[in-house]
Amino acid sequence: MIAPEPPVIDAHCHVFTRAMPFTDSAWTRPDYDYPVETYLAELDAHGVSFGVVTAASLFGEYNDYTLSVLARHRRLRATVMLDPDTGPAEMAALKTQGVCGIRYQLPVAAPLPDLAGYRFRRFIGRLADAGLHIELNLSGAQLAAILPALDDSGIDIVVDHFGLLRAERGMEGEGFRAVLDAVERGRTRVKLSAGFRLPEDALAGYAARLIEVAGPERLFWGSDAPFVGCEDRIGYAGTLQTFYRIVPDARMRRQMSDAALRFYFF
């Protein structure tokens, strides 16, 4: 039996060390290191060429390690977390260092900021001007509110974890419907990442629905290594096997890789 061709790019991982400061509200505090060298060895062991380091809420706006990683490894890109008052010069500098966007995450019960207010609109406008996208890891209700508000902003959007990790009522909920609507409007992509955090028997259906609406050109695969909080039940090989199962068409998987390469690297 011929082994499946691995994806060219892993669009979602986290790298960190125990020396990094946790936010006061961190939902967990890993007691181990997962440095970039370990992650790159994992990629090499499985034939994956490129990776995207995704900002983790555990560390808030502490982006120092991520930026040092980008300076040393040209095969990586990253998202970071930024204060909404960050100026355009700093955003432009981050772009030159390999930062592609910012990750925007709030607690499930937290209210969104004033989406029509000056501070939020200035933040989104500056991101768009710098060529940075916004990556959303939000609840269904939050997605349903923020996605339409970004329509006229000119910013590219990436929705994490199938758009379903925090979505009430799954594919029937307002959040997932808002994701599908945003994808059809053209500036939104979705990551098929962290499937192990979702109901296993539903994953294939989730993927099929996203493929139906988005096509492979607007879907990215990500491992979510090192699987924080789930380290004892999933490994890198397992995430690949899940990907091959829920997207069985090899040509479609390659189209997803090509789309992610264009988005993050070109």
C-alpha atoms as a PDB file:
ATOM      1  CA  MET A   1       0.000   0.000   0.000  1.00  0.00           C
ATOM      2  CA  ILE A   2       1.387   3.426  -0.997  1.00  0.00           C
ATOM      3  CA  ALA A   3       1.591   5.896   1.889  1.00  0.00           C
ATOM      4  CA  PRO A   4      -0.363   9.137   1.370  1.00  0.00           C
ATOM      5  CA  GLU A   5       1.603  12.186   0.265  1.00  0.00           C
ATOM      6  CA  PRO A   6       2.064  14.377   3.355  1.00  0.00           C
ATOM      7  CA  PRO A   7       0.835  17.956   3.312  1.00  0.00           C
ATOM      8  CA  VAL A   8       3.420  20.486   2.212  1.00  0.00           C
ATOM      9  CA  ILE A   9       2.568  22.886   5.035  1.00  0.00           C
ATOM     10  CA  ASP A  10       1.247  22.619   8.571  1.00  0.00           C
ATOM     11  CA  ALA A  11      -0.722  25.831   9.069  1.00  0.00           C
ATOM     12  CA  HIS A  12      -1.198  25.619  12.838  1.00  0.00           C
ATOM     13  CA  CYS A  13       1.267  24.819  15.623  1.00  0.00           C
ATOM     14  CA  HIS A  14       2.511  26.358  18.857  1.00  0.00           C
ATOM     15  CA  VAL A  15       6.105  26.525  20.079  1.00  0.00           C
ATOM     16  CA  PHE A  16       7.130  27.568  23.576  1.00  0.00           C
ATOM     17  CA  THR A  17       9.489  27.055  26.487  1.00  0.00           C
ATOM     18  CA  ARG A  18       8.926  26.975  30.232  1.00  0.00           C
ATOM     19  CA  ALA A  19      10.786  30.276  30.507  1.00  0.00           C
ATOM     20  CA  MET A  20       7.945  32.130  28.771  1.00  0.00           C
ATOM     21  CA  PRO A  21       5.481  34.084  30.954  1.00  0.00           C
ATOM     22  CA  PHE A  22       1.880  32.869  31.186  1.00  0.00           C
ATOM     23  CA  THR A  23      -0.959  35.349  31.285  1.00  0.00           C
ATOM     24  CA  ASP A  24      -2.832  35.590  34.566  1.00  0.00           C
ATOM     25  CA  SER A  25      -5.876  34.012  32.905  1.00  0.00           C
ATOM     26  CA  ALA A  26      -4.081  31.134  31.108  1.00  0.00           C
ATOM     27  CA  TRP A  27      -6.439  28.149  30.905  1.00  0.00           C
ATOM     28  CA  THR A  28      -3.530  25.717  31.376  1.00  0.00           C
ATOM     29  CA  ARG A  29       0.204  25.978  32.073  1.00  0.00           C
ATOM     30  CA  PRO A  30       2.263  23.305  30.292  1.00  0.00           C
ATOM     31  CA  ASP A  31       5.163  22.094  32.437  1.00  0.00           C
ATOM     32  CA  TYR A  32       7.331  21.136  29.465  1.00  0.00           C
ATOM     33  CA  ASP A  33       9.197  22.756  26.590  1.00  0.00           C
ATOM     34  CA  TYR A  34       8.139  22.465  22.965  1.00  0.00           C
ATOM     35  CA  PRO A  35      10.879  24.449  21.268  1.00  0.00           C
ATOM     36  CA  VAL A  36      11.062  25.121  17.573  1.00  0.00           C
ATOM     37  CA  GLU A  37      13.778  22.498  17.134  1.00  0.00           C
ATOM     38  CA  THR A  38      11.421  19.782  18.371  1.00  0.00           C
ATOM     39  CA  TYR A  39       8.661  20.980  16.080  1.00  0.00           C
ATOM     40  CA  LEU A  40      10.922  21.106  13.022  1.00  0.00           C
ATOM     41  CA  ALA A  41      12.160  17.596  13.779  1.00  0.00           C
ATOM     42  CA  GLU A  42       8.507  16.497  13.824  1.00  0.00           C
ATOM     43  CA  LEU A  43       7.911  18.101  10.435  1.00  0.00           C
ATOM     44  CA  ASP A  44      10.999  16.429   8.989  1.00  0.00           C
ATOM     45  CA  ALA A  45      10.040  13.034  10.394  1.00  0.00           C
ATOM     46  CA  HIS A  46       6.696  13.226   8.589  1.00  0.00           C
ATOM     47  CA  GLY A  47       7.792  14.874   5.347  1.00  0.00           C
ATOM     48  CA  VAL A  48       6.187  18.274   5.944  1.00  0.00           C
ATOM     49  CA  SER A  49       8.232  21.172   4.565  1.00  0.00           C
ATOM     50  CA  PHE A  50       6.741  24.361   6.028  1.00  0.00           C
ATOM     51  CA  GLY A  51       4.986  25.447   9.204  1.00  0.00           C
ATOM     52  CA  VAL A  52       2.967  28.300  10.681  1.00  0.00           C
ATOM     53  CA  VAL A  53       3.463  29.174  14.342  1.00  0.00           C
ATOM     54  CA  THR A  54       0.163  30.326  15.766  1.00  0.00           C
ATOM     55  CA  ALA A  55      -0.006  32.690  18.728  1.00  0.00           C
ATOM     56  CA  ALA A  56      -1.263  30.952  21.859  1.00  0.00           C
ATOM     57  CA  SER A  57      -3.552  32.758  24.273  1.00  0.00           C
ATOM     58  CA  LEU A  58      -1.507  31.297  27.158  1.00  0.00           C
ATOM     59  CA  PHE A  59       1.232  33.835  26.460  1.00  0.00           C
ATOM     60  CA  GLY A  60      -0.835  36.825  25.391  1.00  0.00           C
ATOM     61  CA  GLU A  61       1.175  39.528  23.646  1.00  0.00           C
ATOM     62  CA  TYR A  62       4.535  37.975  24.559  1.00  0.00           C
ATOM     63  CA  ASN A  63       5.775  37.393  21.012  1.00  0.00           C
ATOM     64  CA  ASP A  64       9.513  37.432  21.700  1.00  0.00           C
ATOM     65  CA  TYR A  65      10.166  33.723  21.232  1.00  0.00           C
ATOM     66  CA  THR A  66       8.089  33.544  18.064  1.00  0.00           C
ATOM     67  CA  LEU A  67      10.001  36.450  16.534  1.00  0.00           C
ATOM     68  CA  SER A  68      13.334  34.839  17.410  1.00  0.00           C
ATOM     69  CA  VAL A  69      12.135  31.630  15.733  1.00  0.00           C
ATOM     70  CA  LEU A  70      11.226  33.477  12.532  1.00  0.00           C
ATOM     71  CA  ALA A  71      14.642  35.113  12.443  1.00  0.00           C
ATOM     72  CA  ARG A  72      16.304  31.686  12.455  1.00  0.00           C
ATOM     73  CA  HIS A  73      14.009  29.591  10.262  1.00  0.00           C
ATOM     74  CA  ARG A  74      12.841  30.771   6.852  1.00  0.00           C
ATOM     75  CA  ARG A  75      10.562  27.751   6.456  1.00  0.00           C
ATOM     76  CA  LEU A  76       8.235  29.189   9.118  1.00  0.00           C
ATOM     77  CA  ARG A  77       5.671  31.962   9.257  1.00  0.00           C
ATOM     78  CA  ALA A  78       3.643  33.114  12.268  1.00  0.00           C
ATOM     79  CA  THR A  79       0.747  34.966  13.756  1.00  0.00           C
ATOM     80  CA  VAL A  80       1.119  37.043  16.917  1.00  0.00           C
ATOM     81  CA  MET A  81      -1.164  38.754  19.397  1.00  0.00           C
ATOM     82  CA  LEU A  82      -1.107  42.548  19.448  1.00  0.00           C
ATOM     83  CA  ASP A  83      -2.537  45.338  21.541  1.00  0.00           C
ATOM     84  CA  PRO A  84      -5.223  47.163  19.522  1.00  0.00           C
ATOM     85  CA  ASP A  85      -3.240  50.387  19.933  1.00  0.00           C
ATOM     86  CA  THR A  86      -0.195  48.970  18.096  1.00  0.00           C
ATOM     87  CA  GLY A  87       1.042  51.505  15.566  1.00  0.00           C
ATOM     88  CA  PRO A  88       1.495  51.052  11.819  1.00  0.00           C
ATOM     89  CA  ALA A  89       5.307  51.170  11.957  1.00  0.00           C
ATOM     90  CA  GLU A  90       5.455  48.197  14.341  1.00  0.00           C
ATOM     91  CA  MET A  91       2.968  46.261  12.210  1.00  0.00           C
ATOM     92  CA  ALA A  92       4.996  46.922   9.073  1.00  0.00           C
ATOM     93  CA  ALA A  93       8.157  45.763  10.845  1.00  0.00           C
ATOM     94  CA  LEU A  94       6.471  42.559  11.979  1.00  0.00           C
ATOM     95  CA  LYS A  95       5.442  41.838   8.396  1.00  0.00           C
ATOM     96  CA  THR A  96       9.058  42.002   7.261  1.00  0.00           C
ATOM     97  CA  GLN A  97      10.015  39.503   9.977  1.00  0.00           C
ATOM     98  CA  GLY A  98       7.664  36.792   8.718  1.00  0.00           C
ATOM     99  CA  VAL A  99       4.535  37.635  10.694  1.00  0.00           C
ATOM    100  CA  CYS A 100       1.491  37.122   8.475  1.00  0.00           C
ATOM    101  CA  GLY A 101      -1.320  38.099  10.788  1.00  0.00           C
ATOM    102  CA  ILE A 102      -2.682  38.444  14.287  1.00  0.00           C
ATOM    103  CA  ARG A 103      -4.654  35.925  16.275  1.00  0.00           C
ATOM    104  CA  TYR A 104      -7.805  37.305  17.869  1.00  0.00           C
ATOM    105  CA  GLN A 105      -9.197  35.270  20.744  1.00  0.00           C
ATOM    106  CA  LEU A 106     -11.545  36.088  23.595  1.00  0.00           C
ATOM    107  CA  PRO A 107     -13.048  34.014  26.411  1.00  0.00           C
ATOM    108  CA  VAL A 108     -16.304  32.400  25.291  1.00  0.00           C
ATOM    109  CA  ALA A 109     -18.455  34.563  27.550  1.00  0.00           C
ATOM    110  CA  ALA A 110     -16.549  37.793  26.942  1.00  0.00           C
ATOM    111  CA  PRO A 111     -18.275  40.597  25.058  1.00  0.00           C
ATOM    112  CA  LEU A 112     -16.781  41.765  21.801  1.00  0.00           C
ATOM    113  CA  PRO A 113     -15.435  45.305  21.629  1.00  0.00           C
ATOM    114  CA  ASP A 114     -17.448  47.983  19.896  1.00  0.00           C
ATOM    115  CA  LEU A 115     -17.046  46.676  16.349  1.00  0.00           C
ATOM    116  CA  ALA A 116     -18.139  49.990  14.854  1.00  0.00           C
ATOM    117  CA  GLY A 117     -16.063  52.039  17.273  1.00  0.00           C
ATOM    118  CA  TYR A 118     -12.960  54.019  16.419  1.00  0.00           C
ATOM    119  CA  ARG A 119     -10.409  51.899  18.316  1.00  0.00           C
ATOM    120  CA  PHE A 120     -11.428  48.586  16.742  1.00  0.00           C
ATOM    121  CA  ARG A 121     -11.839  50.045  13.249  1.00  0.00           C
ATOM    122  CA  ARG A 122      -8.438  51.741  13.496  1.00  0.00           C
ATOM    123  CA  PHE A 123      -6.856  48.443  14.557  1.00  0.00           C
ATOM    124  CA  ILE A 124      -8.393  46.483  11.675  1.00  0.00           C
ATOM    125  CA  GLY A 125      -7.556  49.222   9.185  1.00  0.00           C
ATOM    126  CA  ARG A 126      -3.925  49.266  10.260  1.00  0.00           C
ATOM    127  CA  LEU A 127      -3.720  45.474   9.988  1.00  0.00           C
ATOM    128  CA  ALA A 128      -5.152  45.561   6.481  1.00  0.00           C
ATOM    129  CA  ASP A 129      -2.793  48.340   5.450  1.00  0.00           C
ATOM    130  CA  ALA A 130       0.176  46.288   6.706  1.00  0.00           C
ATOM    131  CA  GLY A 131      -0.965  43.207   4.782  1.00  0.00           C
ATOM    132  CA  LEU A 132      -1.698  41.260   7.974  1.00  0.00           C
ATOM    133  CA  HIS A 133      -4.714  38.984   8.263  1.00  0.00           C
ATOM    134  CA  ILE A 134      -6.879  38.370  11.322  1.00  0.00           C
ATOM    135  CA  GLU A 135      -7.192  34.824  12.659  1.00  0.00           C
ATOM    136  CA  LEU A 136     -10.329  34.222  14.733  1.00  0.00           C
ATOM    137  CA  ASN A 137     -10.674  31.720  17.567  1.00  0.00           C
ATOM    138  CA  LEU A 138     -14.052  32.716  18.930  1.00  0.00           C
ATOM    139  CA  SER A 139     -17.382  31.317  20.057  1.00  0.00           C
ATOM    140  CA  GLY A 140     -20.230  30.850  17.615  1.00  0.00           C
ATOM    141  CA  ALA A 141     -22.026  33.944  18.879  1.00  0.00           C
ATOM    142  CA  GLN A 142     -18.847  36.006  18.634  1.00  0.00           C
ATOM    143  CA  LEU A 143     -18.165  34.790  15.083  1.00  0.00           C
ATOM    144  CA  ALA A 144     -21.726  35.600  14.056  1.00  0.00           C
ATOM    145  CA  ALA A 145     -21.214  39.183  15.203  1.00  0.00           C
ATOM    146  CA  ILE A 146     -17.659  39.897  14.076  1.00  0.00           C
ATOM    147  CA  LEU A 147     -17.585  38.330  10.609  1.00  0.00           C
ATOM    148  CA  PRO A 148     -20.232  40.626   9.057  1.00  0.00           C
ATOM    149  CA  ALA A 149     -18.575  43.595  10.769  1.00  0.00           C
ATOM    150  CA  LEU A 150     -15.324  42.855   8.914  1.00  0.00           C
ATOM    151  CA  ASP A 151     -16.960  42.751   5.481  1.00  0.00           C
ATOM    152  CA  ASP A 152     -15.978  46.256   4.406  1.00  0.00           C
ATOM    153  CA  SER A 153     -12.565  46.306   6.092  1.00  0.00           C
ATOM    154  CA  GLY A 154     -10.499  44.821   3.266  1.00  0.00           C
ATOM    155  CA  ILE A 155      -8.785  42.446   5.682  1.00  0.00           C
ATOM    156  CA  ASP A 156      -8.255  38.752   5.021  1.00  0.00           C
ATOM    157  CA  ILE A 157      -9.762  36.432   7.640  1.00  0.00           C
ATOM    158  CA  VAL A 158      -8.818  32.955   8.826  1.00  0.00           C
ATOM    159  CA  VAL A 159     -11.182  31.035  11.117  1.00  0.00           C
ATOM    160  CA  ASP A 160      -9.561  28.464  13.397  1.00  0.00           C
ATOM    161  CA  HIS A 161     -10.518  24.859  14.112  1.00  0.00           C
ATOM    162  CA  PHE A 162     -13.242  24.224  11.506  1.00  0.00           C
ATOM    163  CA  GLY A 163     -15.132  27.232  12.922  1.00  0.00           C
ATOM    164  CA  LEU A 164     -16.637  24.741  15.353  1.00  0.00           C
ATOM    165  CA  LEU A 165     -14.422  24.401  18.422  1.00  0.00           C
ATOM    166  CA  ARG A 166     -16.436  26.915  20.439  1.00  0.00           C
ATOM    167  CA  ALA A 167     -19.579  26.943  18.315  1.00  0.00           C
ATOM    168  CA  GLU A 168     -22.908  26.356  19.955  1.00  0.00           C
ATOM    169  CA  ARG A 169     -25.137  23.832  18.112  1.00  0.00           C
ATOM    170  CA  GLY A 170     -22.337  22.776  15.765  1.00  0.00           C
ATOM    171  CA  MET A 171     -23.076  23.089  12.043  1.00  0.00           C
ATOM    172  CA  GLU A 172     -26.629  24.221  12.834  1.00  0.00           C
ATOM    173  CA  GLY A 173     -25.488  27.130  14.974  1.00  0.00           C
ATOM    174  CA  GLU A 174     -25.267  30.790  14.046  1.00  0.00           C
ATOM    175  CA  GLY A 175     -21.479  30.806  14.248  1.00  0.00           C
ATOM    176  CA  PHE A 176     -20.884  28.092  11.661  1.00  0.00           C
ATOM    177  CA  ARG A 177     -23.527  29.566   9.357  1.00  0.00           C
ATOM    178  CA  ALA A 178     -21.754  32.921   9.634  1.00  0.00           C
ATOM    179  CA  VAL A 179     -18.457  31.238   8.733  1.00  0.00           C
ATOM    180  CA  LEU A 180     -19.972  29.668   5.613  1.00  0.00           C
ATOM    181  CA  ASP A 181     -21.502  32.992   4.592  1.00  0.00           C
ATOM    182  CA  ALA A 182     -18.158  34.756   5.080  1.00  0.00           C
ATOM    183  CA  VAL A 183     -16.333  32.129   3.020  1.00  0.00           C
ATOM    184  CA  GLU A 184     -18.761  32.652   0.166  1.00  0.00           C
ATOM    185  CA  ARG A 185     -18.081  36.402   0.280  1.00  0.00           C
ATOM    186  CA  GLY A 186     -14.476  35.655  -0.639  1.00  0.00           C
ATOM    187  CA  ARG A 187     -12.030  36.962   2.003  1.00  0.00           C
ATOM    188  CA  THR A 188     -12.342  34.175   4.592  1.00  0.00           C
ATOM    189  CA  ARG A 189     -10.424  30.898   4.910  1.00  0.00           C
ATOM    190  CA  VAL A 190     -10.928  28.103   7.452  1.00  0.00           C
ATOM    191  CA  LYS A 191      -8.380  25.857   9.145  1.00  0.00           C
ATOM    192  CA  LEU A 192      -9.063  22.142   9.435  1.00  0.00           C
ATOM    193  CA  SER A 193      -7.043  22.057  12.635  1.00  0.00           C
ATOM    194  CA  ALA A 194      -7.359  20.499  16.097  1.00  0.00           C
ATOM    195  CA  GLY A 195      -9.867  17.916  14.911  1.00  0.00           C
ATOM    196  CA  PHE A 196      -8.995  15.858  17.983  1.00  0.00           C
ATOM    197  CA  ARG A 197     -10.733  18.520  20.076  1.00  0.00           C
ATOM    198  CA  LEU A 198     -14.025  17.936  18.214  1.00  0.00           C
ATOM    199  CA  PRO A 199     -16.354  14.894  18.076  1.00  0.00           C
ATOM    200  CA  GLU A 200     -14.432  12.292  16.068  1.00  0.00           C
ATOM    201  CA  ASP A 201     -17.529  10.802  14.437  1.00  0.00           C
ATOM    202  CA  ALA A 202     -18.567  14.221  13.120  1.00  0.00           C
ATOM    203  CA  LEU A 203     -15.261  15.351  11.615  1.00  0.00           C
ATOM    204  CA  ALA A 204     -15.780  13.899   8.148  1.00  0.00           C
ATOM    205  CA  GLY A 205     -19.136  15.661   7.909  1.00  0.00           C
ATOM    206  CA  TYR A 206     -17.633  18.943   9.043  1.00  0.00           C
ATOM    207  CA  ALA A 207     -14.880  18.677   6.436  1.00  0.00           C
ATOM    208  CA  ALA A 208     -17.303  17.694   3.661  1.00  0.00           C
ATOM    209  CA  ARG A 209     -19.514  20.703   4.376  1.00  0.00           C
ATOM    210  CA  LEU A 210     -16.577  23.095   4.363  1.00  0.00           C
ATOM    211  CA  ILE A 211     -15.208  21.596   1.149  1.00  0.00           C
ATOM    212  CA  GLU A 212     -18.631  21.940  -0.457  1.00  0.00           C
ATOM    213  CA  VAL A 213     -18.799  25.655   0.323  1.00  0.00           C
ATOM    214  CA  ALA A 214     -15.153  26.746   0.387  1.00  0.00           C
ATOM    215  CA  GLY A 215     -13.457  24.320  -1.956  1.00  0.00           C
ATOM    216  CA  PRO A 216      -9.871  23.317  -1.174  1.00  0.00           C
ATOM    217  CA  GLU A 217      -8.552  26.740  -2.194  1.00  0.00           C
ATOM    218  CA  ARG A 218      -9.893  28.328   0.999  1.00  0.00           C
ATOM    219  CA  LEU A 219      -9.126  25.545   3.470  1.00  0.00           C
ATOM    220  CA  PHE A 220      -5.847  24.949   5.312  1.00  0.00           C
ATOM    221  CA  TRP A 221      -4.705  21.938   7.332  1.00  0.00           C
ATOM    222  CA  GLY A 222      -3.022  22.348  10.711  1.00  0.00           C
ATOM    223  CA  SER A 223      -1.838  19.868  13.319  1.00  0.00           C
ATOM    224  CA  ASP A 224      -2.174  22.028  16.468  1.00  0.00           C
ATOM    225  CA  ALA A 225       1.063  20.476  17.744  1.00  0.00           C
ATOM    226  CA  PRO A 226       1.972  19.918  20.559  1.00  0.00           C
ATOM    227  CA  PHE A 227      -1.704  19.225  21.331  1.00  0.00           C
ATOM    228  CA  VAL A 228      -1.796  21.161  24.606  1.00  0.00           C
ATOM    229  CA  GLY A 229      -4.114  19.507  27.095  1.00  0.00           C
ATOM    230  CA  CYS A 230      -4.424  16.394  24.923  1.00  0.00           C
ATOM    231  CA  GLU A 231      -0.794  15.270  24.742  1.00  0.00           C
ATOM    232  CA  ASP A 232      -1.611  11.835  26.163  1.00  0.00           C
ATOM    233  CA  ARG A 233      -4.093  10.886  23.458  1.00  0.00           C
ATOM    234  CA  ILE A 234      -2.817  12.322  20.172  1.00  0.00           C
ATOM    235  CA  GLY A 235       0.488  12.568  18.310  1.00  0.00           C
ATOM    236  CA  TYR A 236       1.620  14.118  15.054  1.00  0.00           C
ATOM    237  CA  ALA A 237       1.099  10.938  13.043  1.00  0.00           C
ATOM    238  CA  GLY A 238      -2.438  10.712  14.383  1.00  0.00           C
ATOM    239  CA  THR A 239      -3.323  14.188  13.176  1.00  0.00           C
ATOM    240  CA  LEU A 240      -2.083  13.283   9.703  1.00  0.00           C
ATOM    241  CA  GLN A 241      -4.114  10.089   9.651  1.00  0.00           C
ATOM    242  CA  THR A 242      -7.212  12.060  10.611  1.00  0.00           C
ATOM    243  CA  PHE A 243      -6.550  14.506   7.772  1.00  0.00           C
ATOM    244  CA  TYR A 244      -6.207  11.672   5.251  1.00  0.00           C
ATOM    245  CA  ARG A 245      -9.456  10.154   6.547  1.00  0.00           C
ATOM    246  CA  ILE A 246     -11.633  13.255   6.434  1.00  0.00           C
ATOM    247  CA  VAL A 247     -10.162  14.547   3.142  1.00  0.00           C
ATOM    248  CA  PRO A 248      -9.570  11.277   1.262  1.00  0.00           C
ATOM    249  CA  ASP A 249      -8.912  12.878  -2.132  1.00  0.00           C
ATOM    250  CA  ALA A 250      -5.129  13.341  -2.490  1.00  0.00           C
ATOM    251  CA  ARG A 251      -5.521  16.000  -5.186  1.00  0.00           C
ATOM    252  CA  MET A 252      -7.753  18.013  -2.903  1.00  0.00           C
ATOM    253  CA  ARG A 253      -5.259  17.764  -0.057  1.00  0.00           C
ATOM    254  CA  ARG A 254      -2.531  19.020  -2.388  1.00  0.00           C
ATOM    255  CA  GLN A 255      -4.731  21.937  -3.479  1.00  0.00           C
ATOM    256  CA  MET A 256      -5.148  22.860   0.191  1.00  0.00           C
ATOM    257  CA  SER A 257      -1.371  22.797   0.656  1.00  0.00           C
ATOM    258  CA  ASP A 258      -0.854  24.965  -2.416  1.00  0.00           C
ATOM    259  CA  ALA A 259      -3.442  27.452  -1.178  1.00  0.00           C
ATOM    260  CA  ALA A 260      -1.785  27.672   2.240  1.00  0.00           C
ATOM    261  CA  LEU A 261       1.655  28.156   0.686  1.00  0.00           C
ATOM    262  CA  ARG A 262       0.349  31.031  -1.425  1.00  0.00           C
ATOM    263  CA  PHE A 263      -1.405  32.611   1.531  1.00  0.00           C
ATOM    264  CA  TYR A 264       1.408  32.399   4.075  1.00  0.00           C
ATOM    265  CA  PHE A 265       4.533  32.578   1.966  1.00  0.00           C
ATOM    266  CA  PHE A 266       3.696  34.417  -1.258  1.00  0.00           C
END
